[in-house]
Amino acid sequence: MYTLRIFVIISLLVFSGCQQQRPEGMPKTVPCQITVLKNGVPQEGIDVSLHSPEGNGTLSITALTNSQGIAKIQTQSASYKESGAPVGKYKVVIDKPVQLPPDGVDDSKLSGKELDDYLTKRETELEKIKVIPKRLTVSASTPLEIKVDTQTGGELIIDLKDFSDKP
């Protein structure tokens, strides 16, 4: 019994020392989630980030959609992470990185013009397989916005069928 008490006390001391302190200037966060669909079907693996018009400073306000298409936003400053987003109005940027399969071309052996033509061709092929319209992947061009407030937090549902690369 005495050994168990010592183990519990030591465990509490060790684990209480592992908790990170909230960084100075870290804003309070409130719950925030964004759902990404395509024709009503949840989209998994979409990177979602929030961008304040004033800039985020050292904060990263991001999440990745799960199998239900839901991204539960987290705010991070250095290695400290907290659920939710700070109160404010944000541009919403979404993206899903994709890669072309290898094509067997050794581009280090191509001349200047050949390399330019090859890279242009690959970029065109890449654009064809992208899931997210290009304008939604950049803060300056995305029409997506969310308001996060203290009473209701923030929630947004995006259906990709409503967007295209046409402005």
Protein backbone atom coordinates (compact mmCIF):
# COMPACT_ATOMS: atom_id res chain seq x y z
CA MET A 1 0.00 0.00 0.00
CA TYR A 2 2.85 2.35 0.91
CA THR A 3 4.55 1.59 -2.45
CA LEU A 4 1.34 2.39 -4.34
CA ARG A 5 1.04 5.79 -2.61
CA ILE A 6 4.63 6.68 -3.48
CA PHE A 7 4.05 5.61 -7.12
CA VAL A 8 0.88 7.77 -7.34
CA ILE A 9 2.63 10.79 -5.82
CA ILE A 10 5.64 10.47 -8.12
CA SER A 11 3.37 9.99 -11.15
CA LEU A 12 1.38 13.11 -10.31
CA LEU A 13 4.54 15.16 -9.88
CA VAL A 14 6.02 13.92 -13.16
CA PHE A 15 2.87 14.37 -15.23
CA SER A 16 1.96 17.76 -13.77
CA GLY A 17 5.41 19.01 -14.79
CA CYS A 18 4.84 17.85 -18.39
CA GLN A 19 1.92 20.18 -19.03
CA GLN A 20 2.91 23.11 -21.21
CA GLN A 21 2.25 26.62 -20.01
CA ARG A 22 -0.01 28.81 -22.12
CA PRO A 23 2.27 31.23 -24.03
CA GLU A 24 2.03 34.90 -23.16
CA GLY A 25 -0.26 36.66 -25.62
CA MET A 26 -2.00 33.44 -26.68
CA PRO A 27 -5.61 34.50 -27.34
CA LYS A 28 -8.57 32.67 -25.84
CA THR A 29 -10.10 30.24 -28.32
CA VAL A 30 -13.69 29.13 -28.90
CA PRO A 31 -14.97 26.02 -30.69
CA CYS A 32 -14.74 26.22 -34.47
CA GLN A 33 -15.32 23.61 -37.15
CA ILE A 34 -15.51 23.55 -40.91
CA THR A 35 -17.13 20.79 -42.93
CA VAL A 36 -16.01 20.15 -46.52
CA LEU A 37 -18.28 18.26 -48.90
CA LYS A 38 -18.36 17.58 -52.63
CA ASN A 39 -21.89 17.11 -53.94
CA GLY A 40 -22.93 16.40 -50.34
CA VAL A 41 -20.25 13.73 -49.82
CA PRO A 42 -17.77 14.35 -46.95
CA GLN A 43 -14.21 14.99 -48.11
CA GLU A 44 -11.43 13.50 -45.98
CA GLY A 45 -7.85 14.78 -45.81
CA ILE A 46 -8.54 18.41 -46.74
CA ASP A 47 -6.16 20.96 -45.16
CA VAL A 48 -8.15 23.87 -43.70
CA SER A 49 -6.58 27.09 -42.44
CA LEU A 50 -7.96 30.40 -41.20
CA HIS A 51 -6.29 33.70 -42.13
CA SER A 52 -7.03 36.98 -40.34
CA PRO A 53 -6.98 40.14 -42.50
CA GLU A 54 -4.50 41.59 -39.98
CA GLY A 55 -2.33 38.49 -40.21
CA ASN A 56 -2.07 35.63 -37.75
CA GLY A 57 1.27 36.64 -36.28
CA THR A 58 2.87 33.53 -34.81
CA LEU A 59 -0.42 31.62 -34.68
CA SER A 60 -1.28 28.71 -36.91
CA ILE A 61 -5.06 28.18 -37.08
CA THR A 62 -5.61 24.91 -38.91
CA ALA A 63 -7.12 21.43 -39.06
CA LEU A 64 -7.45 18.41 -41.34
CA THR A 65 -10.86 17.03 -42.28
CA ASN A 66 -11.77 13.61 -40.92
CA SER A 67 -13.84 10.86 -42.62
CA GLN A 68 -17.01 12.90 -41.99
CA GLY A 69 -15.45 15.90 -43.75
CA ILE A 70 -15.18 17.82 -40.46
CA ALA A 71 -12.13 19.88 -39.57
CA LYS A 72 -12.07 20.77 -35.86
CA ILE A 73 -9.92 23.87 -35.85
CA GLN A 74 -6.92 24.14 -33.53
CA THR A 75 -4.77 27.15 -32.78
CA GLN A 76 -1.05 26.66 -32.29
CA SER A 77 1.67 28.98 -31.07
CA ALA A 78 5.12 27.35 -31.19
CA SER A 79 4.56 23.91 -29.67
CA TYR A 80 1.49 24.93 -27.62
CA LYS A 81 -1.79 23.83 -29.22
CA GLU A 82 -5.35 24.58 -28.15
CA SER A 83 -8.73 23.50 -29.57
CA GLY A 84 -10.74 26.18 -31.35
CA ALA A 85 -9.97 29.54 -32.94
CA PRO A 86 -9.59 33.06 -31.56
CA VAL A 87 -12.61 35.34 -31.96
CA GLY A 88 -12.53 37.23 -35.26
CA LYS A 89 -13.31 37.20 -38.96
CA TYR A 90 -11.19 34.98 -41.19
CA LYS A 91 -10.59 34.01 -44.79
CA VAL A 92 -10.80 30.23 -45.12
CA VAL A 93 -8.21 28.48 -47.28
CA ILE A 94 -8.59 24.82 -48.20
CA ASP A 95 -6.33 22.49 -50.14
CA LYS A 96 -5.62 18.84 -50.70
CA PRO A 97 -2.10 18.17 -51.89
CA VAL A 98 -1.91 15.74 -54.80
CA GLN A 99 1.03 14.24 -56.66
CA LEU A 100 1.42 12.97 -60.17
CA PRO A 101 2.70 9.44 -60.51
CA PRO A 102 6.29 9.18 -61.74
CA ASP A 103 6.51 9.22 -65.53
CA GLY A 104 10.04 7.88 -65.93
CA VAL A 105 11.42 11.16 -67.31
CA ASP A 106 14.78 12.23 -65.90
CA ASP A 107 14.32 16.00 -66.02
CA SER A 108 17.99 16.58 -65.14
CA LYS A 109 18.83 15.46 -68.69
CA LEU A 110 16.50 17.97 -70.38
CA SER A 111 17.74 21.19 -71.97
CA GLY A 112 16.30 24.62 -71.02
CA LYS A 113 13.39 24.65 -73.54
CA GLU A 114 12.71 20.92 -73.10
CA LEU A 115 12.64 21.35 -69.33
CA ASP A 116 10.29 24.35 -69.56
CA ASP A 117 7.93 22.41 -71.86
CA TYR A 118 8.08 19.33 -69.63
CA LEU A 119 7.36 21.30 -66.44
CA THR A 120 4.45 23.13 -68.13
CA LYS A 121 3.00 19.79 -69.24
CA ARG A 122 3.33 18.32 -65.73
CA GLU A 123 1.71 21.40 -64.17
CA THR A 124 -1.23 21.09 -66.59
CA GLU A 125 -1.60 17.40 -65.69
CA LEU A 126 -1.46 18.25 -61.99
CA GLU A 127 -4.18 20.91 -62.31
CA LYS A 128 -6.48 18.29 -63.89
CA ILE A 129 -6.31 15.97 -60.88
CA LYS A 130 -6.59 18.60 -58.15
CA VAL A 131 -9.67 18.23 -55.97
CA ILE A 132 -9.85 21.83 -54.75
CA PRO A 133 -10.46 24.76 -57.12
CA LYS A 134 -7.32 26.90 -57.28
CA ARG A 135 -8.94 30.10 -56.00
CA LEU A 136 -9.89 28.38 -52.71
CA THR A 137 -6.24 27.51 -52.02
CA VAL A 138 -4.98 31.09 -51.64
CA SER A 139 -5.97 33.65 -49.00
CA ALA A 140 -6.00 36.53 -51.49
CA SER A 141 -8.51 34.85 -53.82
CA THR A 142 -10.71 32.66 -51.64
CA PRO A 143 -14.30 33.86 -51.27
CA LEU A 144 -14.70 31.64 -48.19
CA GLU A 145 -15.06 33.49 -44.89
CA ILE A 146 -16.02 32.59 -41.34
CA LYS A 147 -16.88 34.72 -38.33
CA VAL A 148 -15.87 33.23 -35.00
CA ASP A 149 -17.57 34.81 -31.97
CA THR A 150 -17.62 34.18 -28.25
CA GLN A 151 -21.24 33.06 -28.07
CA THR A 152 -21.56 30.65 -30.97
CA GLY A 153 -17.97 29.91 -31.90
CA GLY A 154 -17.64 29.31 -35.62
CA GLU A 155 -19.11 26.83 -38.05
CA LEU A 156 -19.02 26.69 -41.83
CA ILE A 157 -20.13 24.09 -44.36
CA ILE A 158 -18.44 24.19 -47.77
CA ASP A 159 -19.72 22.17 -50.72
CA LEU A 160 -17.15 22.18 -53.50
CA LYS A 161 -19.90 21.82 -56.11
CA ASP A 162 -20.62 25.52 -55.48
CA PHE A 163 -17.15 26.59 -56.67
CA SER A 164 -15.04 26.46 -59.77
CA ASP A 165 -11.84 28.11 -60.95
CA LYS A 166 -13.90 30.66 -62.83
CA PRO A 167 -13.91 33.98 -60.91
